[in-house]
Amino acid sequence: MCDFKLKLETKRLQSGRFQVNFSTGLTDGYYGYLLAEPQTAVSDIISKINRHITAFDNSERYLQRNLFSLGNRQVNSGRILIFKR
C-alpha cells in the first residue's frame, strides 16, 4: 500500500473539528494538514492522506485534477494541504 511511516498529531479547534498535522517521517518526504470532523474514523483519515500522497506520483494529473475530473469531484471531500520538504 504505502512505503512510508506516517506521523499524526491532532489539535481540537474551537469549532469542534480537529486539525490533523501529518508527516511521512522522511527527510525528503511530505507534510501537511487537514480538517476532520469529530466523528471521522482514524482509518478514514489515514486512507485519505495515503491516497493524496501516492497521487503525487502522477503530480501533473494530481495538481490539475479539476481539468481531468470535472464530473467526478467530491464536494464534501474536505480540505487537505500537502507540502514537500
PDB file of N, CA and C in Angstrom:
ATOM      1  N   MET A   1       0.830  -1.187   0.000  1.00  0.00           N
ATOM      2  CA  MET A   1       0.000   0.000   0.000  1.00  0.00           C
ATOM      3  C   MET A   1       0.871   1.245   0.000  1.00  0.00           C
ATOM      4  N   CYS A   2       1.611   1.502   1.104  1.00  0.00           N
ATOM      5  CA  CYS A   2       2.486   2.657   1.135  1.00  0.00           C
ATOM      6  C   CYS A   2       3.817   2.248   1.743  1.00  0.00           C
ATOM      7  N   ASP A   3       4.891   2.933   1.334  1.00  0.00           N
ATOM      8  CA  ASP A   3       6.218   2.576   1.814  1.00  0.00           C
ATOM      9  C   ASP A   3       6.814   3.689   2.666  1.00  0.00           C
ATOM     10  N   PHE A   4       5.996   4.370   3.434  1.00  0.00           N
ATOM     11  CA  PHE A   4       6.467   5.424   4.311  1.00  0.00           C
ATOM     12  C   PHE A   4       5.765   5.329   5.648  1.00  0.00           C
ATOM     13  N   LYS A   5       6.403   5.893   6.664  1.00  0.00           N
ATOM     14  CA  LYS A   5       5.824   5.937   8.003  1.00  0.00           C
ATOM     15  C   LYS A   5       5.061   7.231   8.150  1.00  0.00           C
ATOM     16  N   LEU A   6       3.854   7.157   8.617  1.00  0.00           N
ATOM     17  CA  LEU A   6       3.004   8.324   8.764  1.00  0.00           C
ATOM     18  C   LEU A   6       2.930   8.726  10.233  1.00  0.00           C
ATOM     19  N   LYS A   7       3.266   9.985  10.515  1.00  0.00           N
ATOM     20  CA  LYS A   7       3.170  10.515  11.874  1.00  0.00           C
ATOM     21  C   LYS A   7       1.996  11.481  11.917  1.00  0.00           C
ATOM     22  N   LEU A   8       1.136  11.326  12.926  1.00  0.00           N
ATOM     23  CA  LEU A   8      -0.054  12.171  13.059  1.00  0.00           C
ATOM     24  C   LEU A   8      -0.056  12.892  14.402  1.00  0.00           C
ATOM     25  N   GLU A   9      -0.497  14.144  14.379  1.00  0.00           N
ATOM     26  CA  GLU A   9      -0.759  14.915  15.595  1.00  0.00           C
ATOM     27  C   GLU A   9      -2.090  15.618  15.376  1.00  0.00           C
ATOM     28  N   THR A  10      -2.896  15.706  16.422  1.00  0.00           N
ATOM     29  CA  THR A  10      -4.188  16.367  16.281  1.00  0.00           C
ATOM     30  C   THR A  10      -4.304  17.514  17.275  1.00  0.00           C
ATOM     31  N   LYS A  11      -5.133  18.471  16.875  1.00  0.00           N
ATOM     32  CA  LYS A  11      -5.419  19.619  17.730  1.00  0.00           C
ATOM     33  C   LYS A  11      -6.907  19.917  17.594  1.00  0.00           C
ATOM     34  N   ARG A  12      -7.604  19.990  18.720  1.00  0.00           N
ATOM     35  CA  ARG A  12      -9.031  20.288  18.687  1.00  0.00           C
ATOM     36  C   ARG A  12      -9.221  21.798  18.541  1.00  0.00           C
ATOM     37  N   LEU A  13     -10.021  22.192  17.561  1.00  0.00           N
ATOM     38  CA  LEU A  13     -10.285  23.602  17.299  1.00  0.00           C
ATOM     39  C   LEU A  13     -11.545  24.047  18.032  1.00  0.00           C
ATOM     40  N   GLN A  14     -11.732  25.345  18.159  1.00  0.00           N
ATOM     41  CA  GLN A  14     -12.917  25.872  18.839  1.00  0.00           C
ATOM     42  C   GLN A  14     -14.207  25.458  18.149  1.00  0.00           C
ATOM     43  N   SER A  15     -14.139  25.211  16.856  1.00  0.00           N
ATOM     44  CA  SER A  15     -15.324  24.803  16.101  1.00  0.00           C
ATOM     45  C   SER A  15     -15.751  23.373  16.429  1.00  0.00           C
ATOM     46  N   GLY A  16     -14.892  22.613  17.115  1.00  0.00           N
ATOM     47  CA  GLY A  16     -15.180  21.210  17.405  1.00  0.00           C
ATOM     48  C   GLY A  16     -14.484  20.266  16.447  1.00  0.00           C
ATOM     49  N   ARG A  17     -14.047  20.777  15.315  1.00  0.00           N
ATOM     50  CA  ARG A  17     -13.285  19.967  14.361  1.00  0.00           C
ATOM     51  C   ARG A  17     -11.878  19.726  14.888  1.00  0.00           C
ATOM     52  N   PHE A  18     -11.176  18.825  14.210  1.00  0.00           N
ATOM     53  CA  PHE A  18      -9.796  18.535  14.556  1.00  0.00           C
ATOM     54  C   PHE A  18      -8.890  18.924  13.404  1.00  0.00           C
ATOM     55  N   GLN A  19      -7.796  19.590  13.734  1.00  0.00           N
ATOM     56  CA  GLN A  19      -6.754  19.841  12.752  1.00  0.00           C
ATOM     57  C   GLN A  19      -5.757  18.706  12.888  1.00  0.00           C
ATOM     58  N   VAL A  20      -5.540  17.979  11.808  1.00  0.00           N
ATOM     59  CA  VAL A  20      -4.619  16.854  11.809  1.00  0.00           C
ATOM     60  C   VAL A  20      -3.348  17.275  11.084  1.00  0.00           C
ATOM     61  N   ASN A  21      -2.243  17.266  11.811  1.00  0.00           N
ATOM     62  CA  ASN A  21      -0.930  17.545  11.228  1.00  0.00           C
ATOM     63  C   ASN A  21      -0.285  16.198  10.950  1.00  0.00           C
ATOM     64  N   PHE A  22       0.266  16.028   9.756  1.00  0.00           N
ATOM     65  CA  PHE A  22       0.875  14.750   9.413  1.00  0.00           C
ATOM     66  C   PHE A  22       2.199  14.965   8.706  1.00  0.00           C
ATOM     67  N   SER A  23       3.050  13.967   8.804  1.00  0.00           N
ATOM     68  CA  SER A  23       4.302  13.956   8.049  1.00  0.00           C
ATOM     69  C   SER A  23       4.653  12.511   7.749  1.00  0.00           C
ATOM     70  N   THR A  24       5.438  12.324   6.689  1.00  0.00           N
ATOM     71  CA  THR A  24       5.803  10.976   6.300  1.00  0.00           C
ATOM     72  C   THR A  24       7.036  10.491   7.040  1.00  0.00           C
ATOM     73  N   GLY A  25       7.692  11.372   7.784  1.00  0.00           N
ATOM     74  CA  GLY A  25       8.832  10.967   8.579  1.00  0.00           C
ATOM     75  C   GLY A  25      10.119  10.837   7.791  1.00  0.00           C
ATOM     76  N   LEU A  26      10.086  11.086   6.513  1.00  0.00           N
ATOM     77  CA  LEU A  26      11.279  11.025   5.675  1.00  0.00           C
ATOM     78  C   LEU A  26      11.897  12.420   5.566  1.00  0.00           C
ATOM     79  N   THR A  27      13.202  12.478   5.385  1.00  0.00           N
ATOM     80  CA  THR A  27      13.845  13.789   5.270  1.00  0.00           C
ATOM     81  C   THR A  27      13.427  14.517   4.001  1.00  0.00           C
ATOM     82  N   ASP A  28      13.110  13.781   2.962  1.00  0.00           N
ATOM     83  CA  ASP A  28      12.654  14.414   1.723  1.00  0.00           C
ATOM     84  C   ASP A  28      11.192  14.075   1.447  1.00  0.00           C
ATOM     85  N   GLY A  29      10.438  13.822   2.489  1.00  0.00           N
ATOM     86  CA  GLY A  29       9.043  13.390   2.354  1.00  0.00           C
ATOM     87  C   GLY A  29       8.065  14.539   2.302  1.00  0.00           C
ATOM     88  N   TYR A  30       6.871  14.267   2.764  1.00  0.00           N
ATOM     89  CA  TYR A  30       5.779  15.223   2.722  1.00  0.00           C
ATOM     90  C   TYR A  30       5.276  15.520   4.130  1.00  0.00           C
ATOM     91  N   TYR A  31       4.657  16.660   4.263  1.00  0.00           N
ATOM     92  CA  TYR A  31       3.956  17.007   5.495  1.00  0.00           C
ATOM     93  C   TYR A  31       2.753  17.844   5.107  1.00  0.00           C
ATOM     94  N   GLY A  32       1.793  17.944   6.013  1.00  0.00           N
ATOM     95  CA  GLY A  32       0.620  18.730   5.685  1.00  0.00           C
ATOM     96  C   GLY A  32      -0.400  18.735   6.795  1.00  0.00           C
ATOM     97  N   TYR A  33      -1.568  19.243   6.434  1.00  0.00           N
ATOM     98  CA  TYR A  33      -2.654  19.450   7.390  1.00  0.00           C
ATOM     99  C   TYR A  33      -3.977  19.113   6.729  1.00  0.00           C
ATOM    100  N   LEU A  34      -4.926  18.677   7.542  1.00  0.00           N
ATOM    101  CA  LEU A  34      -6.287  18.524   7.059  1.00  0.00           C
ATOM    102  C   LEU A  34      -7.250  18.738   8.215  1.00  0.00           C
ATOM    103  N   LEU A  35      -8.477  19.070   7.883  1.00  0.00           N
ATOM    104  CA  LEU A  35      -9.529  19.232   8.879  1.00  0.00           C
ATOM    105  C   LEU A  35     -10.371  17.975   8.911  1.00  0.00           C
ATOM    106  N   ALA A  36     -10.713  17.537  10.113  1.00  0.00           N
ATOM    107  CA  ALA A  36     -11.534  16.332  10.273  1.00  0.00           C
ATOM    108  C   ALA A  36     -12.660  16.624  11.253  1.00  0.00           C
ATOM    109  N   GLU A  37     -13.792  16.048  10.963  1.00  0.00           N
ATOM    110  CA  GLU A  37     -14.933  16.145  11.875  1.00  0.00           C
ATOM    111  C   GLU A  37     -14.698  15.207  13.055  1.00  0.00           C
ATOM    112  N   PRO A  38     -15.312  15.496  14.213  1.00  0.00           N
ATOM    113  CA  PRO A  38     -15.095  14.639  15.392  1.00  0.00           C
ATOM    114  C   PRO A  38     -15.474  13.175  15.178  1.00  0.00           C
ATOM    115  N   GLN A  39     -16.466  12.883  14.355  1.00  0.00           N
ATOM    116  CA  GLN A  39     -16.911  11.504  14.160  1.00  0.00           C
ATOM    117  C   GLN A  39     -16.139  10.771  13.061  1.00  0.00           C
ATOM    118  N   THR A  40     -15.139  11.416  12.453  1.00  0.00           N
ATOM    119  CA  THR A  40     -14.361  10.772  11.394  1.00  0.00           C
ATOM    120  C   THR A  40     -13.432   9.727  11.993  1.00  0.00           C
ATOM    121  N   ALA A  41     -13.457   8.546  11.420  1.00  0.00           N
ATOM    122  CA  ALA A  41     -12.596   7.453  11.902  1.00  0.00           C
ATOM    123  C   ALA A  41     -11.139   7.720  11.532  1.00  0.00           C
ATOM    124  N   VAL A  42     -10.236   7.291  12.402  1.00  0.00           N
ATOM    125  CA  VAL A  42      -8.810   7.468  12.154  1.00  0.00           C
ATOM    126  C   VAL A  42      -8.404   6.736  10.873  1.00  0.00           C
ATOM    127  N   SER A  43      -8.984   5.584  10.630  1.00  0.00           N
ATOM    128  CA  SER A  43      -8.659   4.830   9.413  1.00  0.00           C
ATOM    129  C   SER A  43      -9.046   5.611   8.158  1.00  0.00           C
ATOM    130  N   ASP A  44     -10.146   6.372   8.210  1.00  0.00           N
ATOM    131  CA  ASP A  44     -10.546   7.210   7.073  1.00  0.00           C
ATOM    132  C   ASP A  44      -9.545   8.333   6.846  1.00  0.00           C
ATOM    133  N   ILE A  45      -9.046   8.917   7.925  1.00  0.00           N
ATOM    134  CA  ILE A  45      -8.064  10.000   7.817  1.00  0.00           C
ATOM    135  C   ILE A  45      -6.767   9.466   7.208  1.00  0.00           C
ATOM    136  N   ILE A  46      -6.306   8.323   7.703  1.00  0.00           N
ATOM    137  CA  ILE A  46      -5.076   7.729   7.184  1.00  0.00           C
ATOM    138  C   ILE A  46      -5.242   7.353   5.719  1.00  0.00           C
ATOM    139  N   SER A  47      -6.383   6.813   5.371  1.00  0.00           N
ATOM    140  CA  SER A  47      -6.656   6.439   3.987  1.00  0.00           C
ATOM    141  C   SER A  47      -6.619   7.660   3.069  1.00  0.00           C
ATOM    142  N   LYS A  48      -7.209   8.752   3.517  1.00  0.00           N
ATOM    143  CA  LYS A  48      -7.235   9.974   2.710  1.00  0.00           C
ATOM    144  C   LYS A  48      -5.824  10.523   2.515  1.00  0.00           C
ATOM    145  N   ILE A  49      -5.030  10.548   3.577  1.00  0.00           N
ATOM    146  CA  ILE A  49      -3.660  11.040   3.479  1.00  0.00           C
ATOM    147  C   ILE A  49      -2.856  10.155   2.531  1.00  0.00           C
ATOM    148  N   ASN A  50      -2.953   8.839   2.686  1.00  0.00           N
ATOM    149  CA  ASN A  50      -2.239   7.907   1.800  1.00  0.00           C
ATOM    150  C   ASN A  50      -2.634   8.098   0.346  1.00  0.00           C
ATOM    151  N   ARG A  51      -3.921   8.281   0.100  1.00  0.00           N
ATOM    152  CA  ARG A  51      -4.415   8.461  -1.268  1.00  0.00           C
ATOM    153  C   ARG A  51      -3.806   9.708  -1.902  1.00  0.00           C
ATOM    154  N   HIS A  52      -3.758  10.791  -1.149  1.00  0.00           N
ATOM    155  CA  HIS A  52      -3.221  12.038  -1.697  1.00  0.00           C
ATOM    156  C   HIS A  52      -1.709  11.980  -1.884  1.00  0.00           C
ATOM    157  N   ILE A  53      -1.010  11.372  -0.948  1.00  0.00           N
ATOM    158  CA  ILE A  53       0.443  11.299  -1.072  1.00  0.00           C
ATOM    159  C   ILE A  53       0.849  10.393  -2.226  1.00  0.00           C
ATOM    160  N   THR A  54       0.196   9.256  -2.376  1.00  0.00           N
ATOM    161  CA  THR A  54       0.532   8.377  -3.500  1.00  0.00           C
ATOM    162  C   THR A  54       0.125   8.989  -4.838  1.00  0.00           C
ATOM    163  N   ALA A  55      -0.842   9.895  -4.839  1.00  0.00           N
ATOM    164  CA  ALA A  55      -1.240  10.565  -6.077  1.00  0.00           C
ATOM    165  C   ALA A  55      -0.149  11.504  -6.590  1.00  0.00           C
ATOM    166  N   PHE A  56       0.772  11.882  -5.725  1.00  0.00           N
ATOM    167  CA  PHE A  56       1.868  12.737  -6.155  1.00  0.00           C
ATOM    168  C   PHE A  56       2.780  12.041  -7.164  1.00  0.00           C
ATOM    169  N   ASP A  57       2.698  10.719  -7.269  1.00  0.00           N
ATOM    170  CA  ASP A  57       3.487  10.000  -8.275  1.00  0.00           C
ATOM    171  C   ASP A  57       3.134  10.492  -9.676  1.00  0.00           C
ATOM    172  N   ASN A  58       1.910  10.899  -9.848  1.00  0.00           N
ATOM    173  CA  ASN A  58       1.457  11.479 -11.114  1.00  0.00           C
ATOM    174  C   ASN A  58       1.096  12.932 -10.831  1.00  0.00           C
ATOM    175  N   SER A  59       2.086  13.720 -10.456  1.00  0.00           N
ATOM    176  CA  SER A  59       1.841  15.072  -9.943  1.00  0.00           C
ATOM    177  C   SER A  59       1.149  15.988 -10.946  1.00  0.00           C
ATOM    178  N   GLU A  60       1.442  15.839 -12.229  1.00  0.00           N
ATOM    179  CA  GLU A  60       0.787  16.706 -13.211  1.00  0.00           C
ATOM    180  C   GLU A  60      -0.724  16.506 -13.184  1.00  0.00           C
ATOM    181  N   ARG A  61      -1.143  15.279 -13.142  1.00  0.00           N
ATOM    182  CA  ARG A  61      -2.575  14.999 -13.088  1.00  0.00           C
ATOM    183  C   ARG A  61      -3.163  15.380 -11.726  1.00  0.00           C
ATOM    184  N   TYR A  62      -2.416  15.133 -10.652  1.00  0.00           N
ATOM    185  CA  TYR A  62      -2.906  15.460  -9.308  1.00  0.00           C
ATOM    186  C   TYR A  62      -3.080  16.959  -9.134  1.00  0.00           C
ATOM    187  N   LEU A  63      -2.100  17.726  -9.551  1.00  0.00           N
ATOM    188  CA  LEU A  63      -2.154  19.170  -9.351  1.00  0.00           C
ATOM    189  C   LEU A  63      -3.193  19.847 -10.237  1.00  0.00           C
ATOM    190  N   GLN A  64      -3.576  19.207 -11.338  1.00  0.00           N
ATOM    191  CA  GLN A  64      -4.584  19.775 -12.224  1.00  0.00           C
ATOM    192  C   GLN A  64      -5.818  18.884 -12.283  1.00  0.00           C
ATOM    193  N   ARG A  65      -6.205  18.320 -11.141  1.00  0.00           N
ATOM    194  CA  ARG A  65      -7.301  17.349 -11.136  1.00  0.00           C
ATOM    195  C   ARG A  65      -8.630  17.936 -11.580  1.00  0.00           C
ATOM    196  N   ASN A  66      -8.826  19.231 -11.464  1.00  0.00           N
ATOM    197  CA  ASN A  66     -10.073  19.829 -11.919  1.00  0.00           C
ATOM    198  C   ASN A  66     -10.231  19.713 -13.428  1.00  0.00           C
ATOM    199  N   LEU A  67      -9.147  19.718 -14.150  1.00  0.00           N
ATOM    200  CA  LEU A  67      -9.225  19.611 -15.603  1.00  0.00           C
ATOM    201  C   LEU A  67      -9.573  18.199 -16.054  1.00  0.00           C
ATOM    202  N   PHE A  68      -9.228  17.201 -15.251  1.00  0.00           N
ATOM    203  CA  PHE A  68      -9.403  15.812 -15.648  1.00  0.00           C
ATOM    204  C   PHE A  68     -10.688  15.183 -15.141  1.00  0.00           C
ATOM    205  N   SER A  69     -11.263  15.726 -14.073  1.00  0.00           N
ATOM    206  CA  SER A  69     -12.413  15.046 -13.475  1.00  0.00           C
ATOM    207  C   SER A  69     -13.480  16.039 -13.019  1.00  0.00           C
ATOM    208  N   LEU A  70     -13.952  16.841 -13.930  1.00  0.00           N
ATOM    209  CA  LEU A  70     -14.965  17.833 -13.564  1.00  0.00           C
ATOM    210  C   LEU A  70     -16.214  17.193 -12.987  1.00  0.00           C
ATOM    211  N   GLY A  71     -16.655  16.096 -13.563  1.00  0.00           N
ATOM    212  CA  GLY A  71     -17.879  15.465 -13.098  1.00  0.00           C
ATOM    213  C   GLY A  71     -17.695  14.528 -11.922  1.00  0.00           C
ATOM    214  N   ASN A  72     -16.466  14.146 -11.627  1.00  0.00           N
ATOM    215  CA  ASN A  72     -16.214  13.133 -10.607  1.00  0.00           C
ATOM    216  C   ASN A  72     -15.755  13.682  -9.268  1.00  0.00           C
ATOM    217  N   ARG A  73     -15.610  14.977  -9.124  1.00  0.00           N
ATOM    218  CA  ARG A  73     -15.100  15.544  -7.881  1.00  0.00           C
ATOM    219  C   ARG A  73     -16.085  15.411  -6.754  1.00  0.00           C
ATOM    220  N   GLN A  74     -15.579  15.103  -5.569  1.00  0.00           N
ATOM    221  CA  GLN A  74     -16.415  15.038  -4.378  1.00  0.00           C
ATOM    222  C   GLN A  74     -16.360  16.402  -3.693  1.00  0.00           C
ATOM    223  N   VAL A  75     -17.492  17.063  -3.603  1.00  0.00           N
ATOM    224  CA  VAL A  75     -17.532  18.384  -2.997  1.00  0.00           C
ATOM    225  C   VAL A  75     -17.259  18.302  -1.504  1.00  0.00           C
ATOM    226  N   ASN A  76     -17.669  17.238  -0.855  1.00  0.00           N
ATOM    227  CA  ASN A  76     -17.510  17.103   0.591  1.00  0.00           C
ATOM    228  C   ASN A  76     -16.228  16.370   0.981  1.00  0.00           C
ATOM    229  N   SER A  77     -15.237  16.354   0.111  1.00  0.00           N
ATOM    230  CA  SER A  77     -14.015  15.607   0.405  1.00  0.00           C
ATOM    231  C   SER A  77     -13.134  16.303   1.434  1.00  0.00           C
ATOM    232  N   GLY A  78     -13.428  17.529   1.794  1.00  0.00           N
ATOM    233  CA  GLY A  78     -12.641  18.229   2.803  1.00  0.00           C
ATOM    234  C   GLY A  78     -11.399  18.849   2.215  1.00  0.00           C
ATOM    235  N   ARG A  79     -10.752  19.652   3.009  1.00  0.00           N
ATOM    236  CA  ARG A  79      -9.550  20.333   2.562  1.00  0.00           C
ATOM    237  C   ARG A  79      -8.325  19.643   3.122  1.00  0.00           C
ATOM    238  N   ILE A  80      -7.324  19.517   2.276  1.00  0.00           N
ATOM    239  CA  ILE A  80      -6.053  18.939   2.686  1.00  0.00           C
ATOM    240  C   ILE A  80      -4.952  19.751   2.030  1.00  0.00           C
ATOM    241  N   LEU A  81      -3.933  20.077   2.809  1.00  0.00           N
ATOM    242  CA  LEU A  81      -2.771  20.788   2.297  1.00  0.00           C
ATOM    243  C   LEU A  81      -1.562  19.875   2.438  1.00  0.00           C
ATOM    244  N   ILE A  82      -0.811  19.699   1.357  1.00  0.00           N
ATOM    245  CA  ILE A  82       0.361  18.843   1.372  1.00  0.00           C
ATOM    246  C   ILE A  82       1.546  19.637   0.827  1.00  0.00           C
ATOM    247  N   PHE A  83       2.661  19.515   1.525  1.00  0.00           N
ATOM    248  CA  PHE A  83       3.891  20.196   1.115  1.00  0.00           C
ATOM    249  C   PHE A  83       5.012  19.190   1.044  1.00  0.00           C
ATOM    250  N   LYS A  84       5.951  19.435   0.133  1.00  0.00           N
ATOM    251  CA  LYS A  84       7.126  18.565   0.021  1.00  0.00           C
ATOM    252  C   LYS A  84       8.285  19.247   0.734  1.00  0.00           C
ATOM    253  N   ARG A  85       9.021  18.468   1.512  1.00  0.00           N
ATOM    254  CA  ARG A  85      10.170  19.025   2.261  1.00  0.00           C
ATOM    255  C   ARG A  85      11.277  19.428   1.319  1.00  0.00           C
TER     256      ARG A  85
END
